[in-house]
Protein backbone atom coordinates (compact mmCIF):
# COMPACT_ATOMS: atom_id res chain seq x y z
CA MET A 1 14.30 -7.23 -36.42
CA ILE A 2 16.77 -5.29 -34.33
CA PRO A 3 20.25 -4.64 -35.78
CA LYS A 4 23.17 -6.14 -33.84
CA LYS A 5 24.41 -2.74 -32.70
CA ASN A 6 21.06 -2.20 -30.93
CA ARG A 7 21.15 -5.44 -28.92
CA LEU A 8 22.17 -5.96 -25.31
CA THR A 9 24.26 -9.11 -25.31
CA SER A 10 26.80 -9.24 -22.50
CA LYS A 11 26.06 -10.40 -18.98
CA LYS A 12 27.82 -7.28 -17.67
CA ASP A 13 25.37 -5.01 -19.51
CA PHE A 14 22.33 -6.93 -18.26
CA THR A 15 23.68 -6.84 -14.69
CA ARG A 16 24.14 -3.06 -14.89
CA VAL A 17 20.60 -2.57 -16.24
CA PHE A 18 19.09 -4.75 -13.51
CA ALA A 19 21.09 -3.02 -10.78
CA LYS A 20 20.62 0.61 -11.81
CA GLY A 21 17.58 0.63 -14.09
CA ARG A 22 14.14 2.08 -13.43
CA LEU A 23 11.28 -0.40 -13.66
CA PHE A 24 8.15 0.18 -15.73
CA ARG A 25 5.48 -2.50 -15.75
CA SER A 26 2.48 -3.27 -17.91
CA HIS A 27 0.31 -6.37 -18.19
CA GLY A 28 2.67 -9.33 -18.73
CA ILE A 29 5.70 -7.25 -19.72
CA SER A 30 8.04 -4.92 -17.87
CA MET A 31 11.08 -2.86 -18.83
CA LYS A 32 14.16 -1.90 -16.85
CA ILE A 33 15.71 1.22 -18.37
CA VAL A 34 19.03 2.89 -17.63
CA ARG A 35 20.52 5.96 -19.32
CA THR A 36 23.98 5.39 -20.83
CA GLY A 37 24.71 8.52 -22.83
CA SER A 38 25.93 6.54 -25.86
CA GLU A 39 24.90 7.32 -29.42
CA ILE A 40 22.55 4.29 -29.69
CA SER A 41 19.86 2.63 -27.59
CA ARG A 42 20.17 -1.09 -26.97
CA PHE A 43 17.55 -3.69 -26.07
CA GLY A 44 17.73 -7.12 -24.48
CA PHE A 45 14.92 -9.61 -23.91
CA VAL A 46 14.52 -11.97 -20.95
CA VAL A 47 12.01 -14.80 -21.16
CA SER A 48 12.67 -17.25 -18.33
CA ASN A 49 11.81 -20.91 -17.89
CA LYS A 50 9.09 -19.81 -15.47
CA VAL A 51 7.13 -18.44 -18.43
CA SER A 52 7.29 -21.71 -20.34
CA LYS A 53 9.44 -24.81 -20.15
CA LYS A 54 9.34 -25.07 -23.96
CA ALA A 55 12.12 -23.22 -25.78
CA VAL A 56 9.92 -22.94 -28.86
CA ILE A 57 7.38 -20.83 -26.98
CA ARG A 58 10.04 -18.70 -25.26
CA ASN A 59 11.72 -18.00 -28.60
CA LYS A 60 8.39 -17.15 -30.22
CA ILE A 61 7.70 -14.56 -27.51
CA ARG A 62 11.22 -13.16 -27.92
CA ARG A 63 10.81 -12.86 -31.71
CA ARG A 64 7.49 -11.06 -31.34
CA LEU A 65 8.96 -8.59 -28.87
CA ARG A 66 11.94 -7.95 -31.16
CA VAL A 67 9.60 -7.13 -34.03
CA SER A 68 7.53 -4.85 -31.81
CA VAL A 69 10.56 -2.91 -30.55
CA GLY A 70 12.22 -2.94 -33.98
CA ARG A 71 9.25 -1.13 -35.51
CA ARG A 72 9.70 1.74 -33.06
CA LEU A 73 13.50 1.88 -33.04
CA GLY A 74 13.59 5.06 -35.13
CA GLU A 75 11.33 6.88 -32.67
CA ILE A 76 13.36 5.95 -29.56
CA PRO A 77 16.01 8.49 -28.51
CA PRO A 78 19.64 7.31 -28.32
CA GLY A 79 21.49 6.70 -25.08
CA TYR A 80 19.46 4.04 -23.26
CA ASP A 81 19.91 0.38 -22.37
CA VAL A 82 16.62 -1.49 -21.94
CA ALA A 83 15.94 -4.99 -20.62
CA VAL A 84 12.48 -6.29 -21.51
CA LEU A 85 11.18 -8.85 -19.01
CA VAL A 86 8.28 -11.20 -19.66
CA PHE A 87 5.85 -12.85 -17.21
CA LYS A 88 3.37 -15.73 -17.54
CA GLU A 89 0.47 -13.44 -18.45
CA VAL A 90 2.05 -12.96 -21.87
CA LEU A 91 1.10 -16.54 -22.83
CA GLU A 92 -2.54 -15.44 -23.05
CA MET A 93 -1.69 -12.43 -25.24
CA GLY A 94 -1.64 -12.29 -29.00
CA PHE A 95 0.82 -10.22 -31.02
CA LYS A 96 -1.46 -7.15 -31.08
CA ASP A 97 -1.77 -7.20 -27.29
CA MET A 98 2.00 -7.58 -26.85
CA ASP A 99 2.61 -4.77 -29.33
CA ALA A 100 0.17 -2.48 -27.50
CA SER A 101 1.80 -3.33 -24.17
CA VAL A 102 5.26 -2.45 -25.53
CA GLU A 103 3.85 0.81 -26.91
CA ARG A 104 2.34 1.67 -23.51
CA LEU A 105 5.60 0.91 -21.70
CA LEU A 106 7.67 3.05 -24.06
CA GLU A 107 5.27 5.97 -23.58
CA LYS A 108 5.13 5.47 -19.79
CA SER A 109 8.94 5.45 -19.55
CA GLY A 110 9.35 8.54 -21.71
CA LEU A 111 11.25 6.76 -24.48
CA LYS A 112 8.49 7.60 -26.94
CA ASN A 113 6.24 10.65 -27.05
């Protein structure tokens, strides 16, 4: 689980990340990352109705991604806002595949060595 201080919550923050962030994409998941210079890194998760019409499934995907990012929170340097976007391909992935995809994206973006 991600602590509240490490969550992107406001529409203004998401808008800034989408407007100024760099995009990194992997199979089924992508990340938009923008440097903020603050003392913490924050994460937000976007799972749209296009992925699934069922809220139960969207929330399940969101929970899995939160766990995956939460495990690596100590290894991620401070000062970044990250929006994690999900696409339909993620429905065919299990937790291990999602976790590996998040790992790959963090390494590709330079947030994790």
